C-alpha atoms as a PDB file:
ATOM      1  CA  UNK A   1    -146.594  50.953   6.245  1.00  0.00           C
ATOM      2  CA  UNK A   2    -143.079  52.421   6.335  1.00  0.00           C
ATOM      3  CA  UNK A   3    -143.511  54.061   2.952  1.00  0.00           C
ATOM      4  CA  UNK A   4    -146.882  55.488   4.025  1.00  0.00           C
ATOM      5  CA  UNK A   5    -144.885  57.914   6.169  1.00  0.00           C
ATOM      6  CA  UNK A   6    -147.784  60.090   7.304  1.00  0.00           C
ATOM      7  CA  UNK A   7    -149.672  57.128   8.741  1.00  0.00           C
ATOM      8  CA  UNK A   8    -146.679  55.668  10.580  1.00  0.00           C
ATOM      9  CA  UNK A   9    -145.362  59.029  11.789  1.00  0.00           C
ATOM     10  CA  UNK A  10    -148.843  59.728  13.184  1.00  0.00           C
ATOM     11  CA  UNK A  11    -148.798  56.453  15.082  1.00  0.00           C
ATOM     12  CA  UNK A  12    -145.279  57.102  16.416  1.00  0.00           C
ATOM     13  CA  UNK A  13    -145.707  60.839  17.092  1.00  0.00           C
ATOM     14  CA  UNK A  14    -146.252  60.553  20.847  1.00  0.00           C
ATOM     15  CA  UNK A  15    -143.674  57.857  21.546  1.00  0.00           C
ATOM     16  CA  UNK A  16    -141.696  58.177  24.750  1.00  0.00           C
ATOM     17  CA  UNK A  17    -138.970  55.669  23.979  1.00  0.00           C
ATOM     18  CA  UNK A  18    -136.998  54.306  21.008  1.00  0.00           C
ATOM     19  CA  UNK A  19    -138.868  52.133  18.509  1.00  0.00           C
ATOM     20  CA  UNK A  20    -137.584  49.210  16.435  1.00  0.00           C
ATOM     21  CA  UNK A  21    -139.443  48.446  13.211  1.00  0.00           C
ATOM     22  CA  UNK A  22    -139.059  44.816  12.086  1.00  0.00           C
ATOM     23  CA  UNK A  23    -139.145  43.822   8.442  1.00  0.00           C
ATOM     24  CA  UNK A  24    -139.258  40.120   7.702  1.00  0.00           C
ATOM     25  CA  UNK A  25    -136.798  38.939   5.084  1.00  0.00           C
ATOM     26  CA  UNK A  26    -139.778  37.560   3.143  1.00  0.00           C
ATOM     27  CA  UNK A  27    -141.346  41.015   2.663  1.00  0.00           C
ATOM     28  CA  UNK A  28    -140.595  42.285  -0.862  1.00  0.00           C
ATOM     29  CA  UNK A  29    -139.208  45.818  -1.050  1.00  0.00           C
ATOM     30  CA  UNK A  30    -139.342  47.616  -4.365  1.00  0.00           C
ATOM     31  CA  UNK A  31    -137.311  50.709  -3.449  1.00  0.00           C
ATOM     32  CA  UNK A  32    -134.656  50.275  -0.773  1.00  0.00           C
ATOM     33  CA  UNK A  33    -133.486  53.900  -0.889  1.00  0.00           C
ATOM     34  CA  UNK A  34    -137.029  55.188  -0.332  1.00  0.00           C
ATOM     35  CA  UNK A  35    -137.494  52.743   2.550  1.00  0.00           C
ATOM     36  CA  UNK A  36    -134.236  53.875   4.223  1.00  0.00           C
ATOM     37  CA  UNK A  37    -135.244  57.532   3.775  1.00  0.00           C
ATOM     38  CA  UNK A  38    -138.715  56.891   5.201  1.00  0.00           C
ATOM     39  CA  UNK A  39    -137.233  55.236   8.305  1.00  0.00           C
ATOM     40  CA  UNK A  40    -134.727  58.096   8.744  1.00  0.00           C
ATOM     41  CA  UNK A  41    -137.572  60.640   8.478  1.00  0.00           C
ATOM     42  CA  UNK A  42    -139.263  58.997  11.480  1.00  0.00           C
ATOM     43  CA  UNK A  43    -136.439  60.164  13.756  1.00  0.00           C
ATOM     44  CA  UNK A  44    -133.086  59.081  15.112  1.00  0.00           C
ATOM     45  CA  UNK A  45    -134.720  56.952  17.810  1.00  0.00           C
ATOM     46  CA  UNK A  46    -136.482  54.754  15.242  1.00  0.00           C
ATOM     47  CA  UNK A  47    -134.308  51.762  14.377  1.00  0.00           C
ATOM     48  CA  UNK A  48    -134.701  48.994  11.833  1.00  0.00           C
ATOM     49  CA  UNK A  49    -134.455  45.222  12.270  1.00  0.00           C
ATOM     50  CA  UNK A  50    -134.505  42.510   9.606  1.00  0.00           C
ATOM     51  CA  UNK A  51    -136.367  39.535  11.060  1.00  0.00           C
ATOM     52  CA  UNK A  52    -136.218  35.849  10.113  1.00  0.00           C
ATOM     53  CA  UNK A  53    -132.731  36.016   8.566  1.00  0.00           C
ATOM     54  CA  UNK A  54    -131.956  32.575   7.220  1.00  0.00           C
ATOM     55  CA  UNK A  55    -135.555  31.329   7.165  1.00  0.00           C
ATOM     56  CA  UNK A  56    -136.023  29.389   3.972  1.00  0.00           C
ATOM     57  CA  UNK A  57    -135.632  31.967   1.234  1.00  0.00           C
ATOM     58  CA  UNK A  58    -132.697  34.137   2.231  1.00  0.00           C
ATOM     59  CA  UNK A  59    -132.989  37.716   1.091  1.00  0.00           C
ATOM     60  CA  UNK A  60    -129.530  39.115   1.685  1.00  0.00           C
ATOM     61  CA  UNK A  61    -130.534  42.203  -0.312  1.00  0.00           C
ATOM     62  CA  UNK A  62    -132.470  43.297   2.776  1.00  0.00           C
ATOM     63  CA  UNK A  63    -129.267  43.172   4.831  1.00  0.00           C
ATOM     64  CA  UNK A  64    -127.126  44.914   2.243  1.00  0.00           C
ATOM     65  CA  UNK A  65    -129.613  47.533   1.059  1.00  0.00           C
ATOM     66  CA  UNK A  66    -131.565  48.345   4.230  1.00  0.00           C
ATOM     67  CA  UNK A  67    -128.490  48.575   6.475  1.00  0.00           C
ATOM     68  CA  UNK A  68    -130.495  47.558   9.546  1.00  0.00           C
ATOM     69  CA  UNK A  69    -129.527  48.237  13.145  1.00  0.00           C
ATOM     70  CA  UNK A  70    -130.540  44.702  14.156  1.00  0.00           C
ATOM     71  CA  UNK A  71    -130.311  41.359  12.381  1.00  0.00           C
ATOM     72  CA  UNK A  72    -132.580  38.690  13.881  1.00  0.00           C
ATOM     73  CA  UNK A  73    -131.311  35.201  13.037  1.00  0.00           C
ATOM     74  CA  UNK A  74    -134.208  32.814  12.495  1.00  0.00           C
ATOM     75  CA  UNK A  75    -134.775  29.946  14.929  1.00  0.00           C
ATOM     76  CA  UNK A  76    -134.240  27.444  12.096  1.00  0.00           C
ATOM     77  CA  UNK A  77    -130.534  28.352  12.120  1.00  0.00           C
ATOM     78  CA  UNK A  78    -130.274  28.308  15.909  1.00  0.00           C
ATOM     79  CA  UNK A  79    -132.016  24.970  16.464  1.00  0.00           C
ATOM     80  CA  UNK A  80    -129.345  22.292  16.837  1.00  0.00           C
ATOM     81  CA  UNK A  81    -126.560  24.814  16.250  1.00  0.00           C
ATOM     82  CA  UNK A  82    -124.296  23.194  18.840  1.00  0.00           C
ATOM     83  CA  UNK A  83    -124.083  19.980  16.751  1.00  0.00           C
ATOM     84  CA  UNK A  84    -124.061  21.438  13.221  1.00  0.00           C
ATOM     85  CA  UNK A  85    -120.900  22.986  11.800  1.00  0.00           C
ATOM     86  CA  UNK A  86    -122.786  24.263   8.737  1.00  0.00           C
ATOM     87  CA  UNK A  87    -125.140  26.346  10.879  1.00  0.00           C
ATOM     88  CA  UNK A  88    -122.190  27.553  12.919  1.00  0.00           C
ATOM     89  CA  UNK A  89    -120.325  28.644   9.779  1.00  0.00           C
ATOM     90  CA  UNK A  90    -123.303  30.619   8.508  1.00  0.00           C
ATOM     91  CA  UNK A  91    -123.736  32.367  11.845  1.00  0.00           C
ATOM     92  CA  UNK A  92    -120.023  33.209  11.916  1.00  0.00           C
ATOM     93  CA  UNK A  93    -120.452  34.793   8.480  1.00  0.00           C
ATOM     94  CA  UNK A  94    -123.441  36.801   9.686  1.00  0.00           C
ATOM     95  CA  UNK A  95    -121.441  37.875  12.735  1.00  0.00           C
ATOM     96  CA  UNK A  96    -118.631  39.099  10.475  1.00  0.00           C
ATOM     97  CA  UNK A  97    -121.186  41.079   8.449  1.00  0.00           C
ATOM     98  CA  UNK A  98    -122.665  42.520  11.646  1.00  0.00           C
ATOM     99  CA  UNK A  99    -119.296  43.615  13.006  1.00  0.00           C
ATOM    100  CA  UNK A 100    -118.322  45.226   9.703  1.00  0.00           C
ATOM    101  CA  UNK A 101    -121.624  47.118   9.449  1.00  0.00           C
ATOM    102  CA  UNK A 102    -122.148  47.976  13.135  1.00  0.00           C
ATOM    103  CA  UNK A 103    -125.278  45.819  13.302  1.00  0.00           C
ATOM    104  CA  UNK A 104    -126.404  43.888  16.374  1.00  0.00           C
ATOM    105  CA  UNK A 105    -127.362  40.212  16.029  1.00  0.00           C
ATOM    106  CA  UNK A 106    -130.245  38.730  17.972  1.00  0.00           C
ATOM    107  CA  UNK A 107    -130.510  34.937  17.823  1.00  0.00           C
ATOM    108  CA  UNK A 108    -134.127  33.739  17.873  1.00  0.00           C
ATOM    109  CA  UNK A 109    -135.370  30.393  19.085  1.00  0.00           C
ATOM    110  CA  UNK A 110    -132.859  29.600  21.846  1.00  0.00           C
ATOM    111  CA  UNK A 111    -134.471  26.751  23.737  1.00  0.00           C
ATOM    112  CA  UNK A 112    -131.561  24.760  25.194  1.00  0.00           C
ATOM    113  CA  UNK A 113    -128.455  25.608  27.161  1.00  0.00           C
ATOM    114  CA  UNK A 114    -126.400  23.813  24.465  1.00  0.00           C
ATOM    115  CA  UNK A 115    -127.702  26.262  21.830  1.00  0.00           C
ATOM    116  CA  UNK A 116    -127.015  29.200  24.150  1.00  0.00           C
ATOM    117  CA  UNK A 117    -123.488  27.973  24.862  1.00  0.00           C
ATOM    118  CA  UNK A 118    -122.748  27.499  21.155  1.00  0.00           C
ATOM    119  CA  UNK A 119    -123.962  31.035  20.430  1.00  0.00           C
ATOM    120  CA  UNK A 120    -121.791  32.398  23.219  1.00  0.00           C
ATOM    121  CA  UNK A 121    -118.794  30.546  21.750  1.00  0.00           C
ATOM    122  CA  UNK A 122    -119.559  32.221  18.409  1.00  0.00           C
ATOM    123  CA  UNK A 123    -119.660  35.604  20.211  1.00  0.00           C
ATOM    124  CA  UNK A 124    -123.344  36.281  19.531  1.00  0.00           C
ATOM    125  CA  UNK A 125    -124.421  38.916  22.034  1.00  0.00           C
ATOM    126  CA  UNK A 126    -128.211  38.728  22.204  1.00  0.00           C
ATOM    127  CA  UNK A 127    -130.891  36.078  22.066  1.00  0.00           C
ATOM    128  CA  UNK A 128    -134.483  35.275  22.813  1.00  0.00           C
ATOM    129  CA  UNK A 129    -136.906  32.361  23.281  1.00  0.00           C
ATOM    130  CA  UNK A 130    -138.219  30.013  25.879  1.00  0.00           C
ATOM    131  CA  UNK A 131    -134.850  29.266  27.527  1.00  0.00           C
ATOM    132  CA  UNK A 132    -135.084  32.808  28.936  1.00  0.00           C
ATOM    133  CA  UNK A 133    -138.803  32.858  29.638  1.00  0.00           C
ATOM    134  CA  UNK A 134    -142.151  33.030  27.952  1.00  0.00           C
ATOM    135  CA  UNK A 135    -143.071  36.346  26.349  1.00  0.00           C
ATOM    136  CA  UNK A 136    -145.459  38.623  28.209  1.00  0.00           C
ATOM    137  CA  UNK A 137    -148.669  39.790  26.607  1.00  0.00           C
ATOM    138  CA  UNK A 138    -148.752  43.394  25.462  1.00  0.00           C
ATOM    139  CA  UNK A 139    -151.474  44.026  28.033  1.00  0.00           C
ATOM    140  CA  UNK A 140    -149.064  42.892  30.784  1.00  0.00           C
ATOM    141  CA  UNK A 141    -146.438  45.377  29.650  1.00  0.00           C
ATOM    142  CA  UNK A 142    -149.035  48.151  29.438  1.00  0.00           C
ATOM    143  CA  UNK A 143    -150.221  47.319  32.950  1.00  0.00           C
ATOM    144  CA  UNK A 144    -146.625  47.418  34.240  1.00  0.00           C
ATOM    145  CA  UNK A 145    -146.005  50.755  32.541  1.00  0.00           C
ATOM    146  CA  UNK A 146    -149.208  52.156  34.060  1.00  0.00           C
ATOM    147  CA  UNK A 147    -147.746  51.437  37.514  1.00  0.00           C
ATOM    148  CA  UNK A 148    -144.014  51.888  36.914  1.00  0.00           C
ATOM    149  CA  UNK A 149    -143.858  54.435  34.084  1.00  0.00           C
ATOM    150  CA  UNK A 150    -142.174  53.762  30.729  1.00  0.00           C
ATOM    151  CA  UNK A 151    -140.050  50.616  30.701  1.00  0.00           C
ATOM    152  CA  UNK A 152    -136.404  51.438  30.042  1.00  0.00           C
ATOM    153  CA  UNK A 153    -134.641  49.188  27.526  1.00  0.00           C
ATOM    154  CA  UNK A 154    -130.859  49.239  28.028  1.00  0.00           C
ATOM    155  CA  UNK A 155    -128.925  50.488  25.008  1.00  0.00           C
ATOM    156  CA  UNK A 156    -126.104  48.367  23.634  1.00  0.00           C
ATOM    157  CA  UNK A 157    -122.572  49.693  23.941  1.00  0.00           C
ATOM    158  CA  UNK A 158    -121.690  49.812  20.263  1.00  0.00           C
ATOM    159  CA  UNK A 159    -118.328  51.465  20.790  1.00  0.00           C
ATOM    160  CA  UNK A 160    -116.981  48.445  22.656  1.00  0.00           C
ATOM    161  CA  UNK A 161    -117.916  46.175  19.728  1.00  0.00           C
ATOM    162  CA  UNK A 162    -115.275  47.809  17.567  1.00  0.00           C
ATOM    163  CA  UNK A 163    -112.539  46.809  20.011  1.00  0.00           C
ATOM    164  CA  UNK A 164    -112.480  43.013  20.255  1.00  0.00           C
ATOM    165  CA  UNK A 165    -111.768  41.660  23.706  1.00  0.00           C
ATOM    166  CA  UNK A 166    -112.925  44.777  25.578  1.00  0.00           C
ATOM    167  CA  UNK A 167    -115.988  43.119  27.045  1.00  0.00           C
ATOM    168  CA  UNK A 168    -117.411  39.649  27.118  1.00  0.00           C
ATOM    169  CA  UNK A 169    -120.872  39.606  25.533  1.00  0.00           C
ATOM    170  CA  UNK A 170    -123.618  37.443  26.913  1.00  0.00           C
ATOM    171  CA  UNK A 171    -126.645  35.977  25.259  1.00  0.00           C
ATOM    172  CA  UNK A 172    -129.881  36.813  26.998  1.00  0.00           C
ATOM    173  CA  UNK A 173    -133.277  38.333  26.771  1.00  0.00           C
ATOM    174  CA  UNK A 174    -133.932  41.995  27.401  1.00  0.00           C
ATOM    175  CA  UNK A 175    -134.423  42.281  31.159  1.00  0.00           C
ATOM    176  CA  UNK A 176    -138.005  42.592  32.367  1.00  0.00           C
ATOM    177  CA  UNK A 177    -138.860  45.513  34.627  1.00  0.00           C
ATOM    178  CA  UNK A 178    -138.900  44.752  38.324  1.00  0.00           C
END
């Protein structure tokens, strides 16, 4: 879909807010340069996320070659993280990669406060799953937007990430509109 630029640009033409395209690490990509160029051609407000990082068959080529804005760590690495030094070490390595490449990490599958606390200790800034609430249906979001207007998603302060100790990150879901 990304490489079929006319189709995707047609779908995204009337967008009123930034868009994040997610590519699973299992999706084969034949031409990384063409994929990066196709995403760039969609506009500066279209970002890229690699989903399911660490799920079974790791495809680190996606991280290196796509240069995503977001890296979504699979729930299989988060589950039991607080009691598993191997999982912790891998997440620390991914965090180092993210800091060096100005990528944001989102931990998926956070279901316990122990997992959340371990992620916070490892300085992971964002997370999602049932600990924070069940996801809303797309129709719910559309209904909210019909009454409230476009839902604003707060932008991350990337500049502060380059200066360790400037702010204390928290792990949490994107706030729902009120």
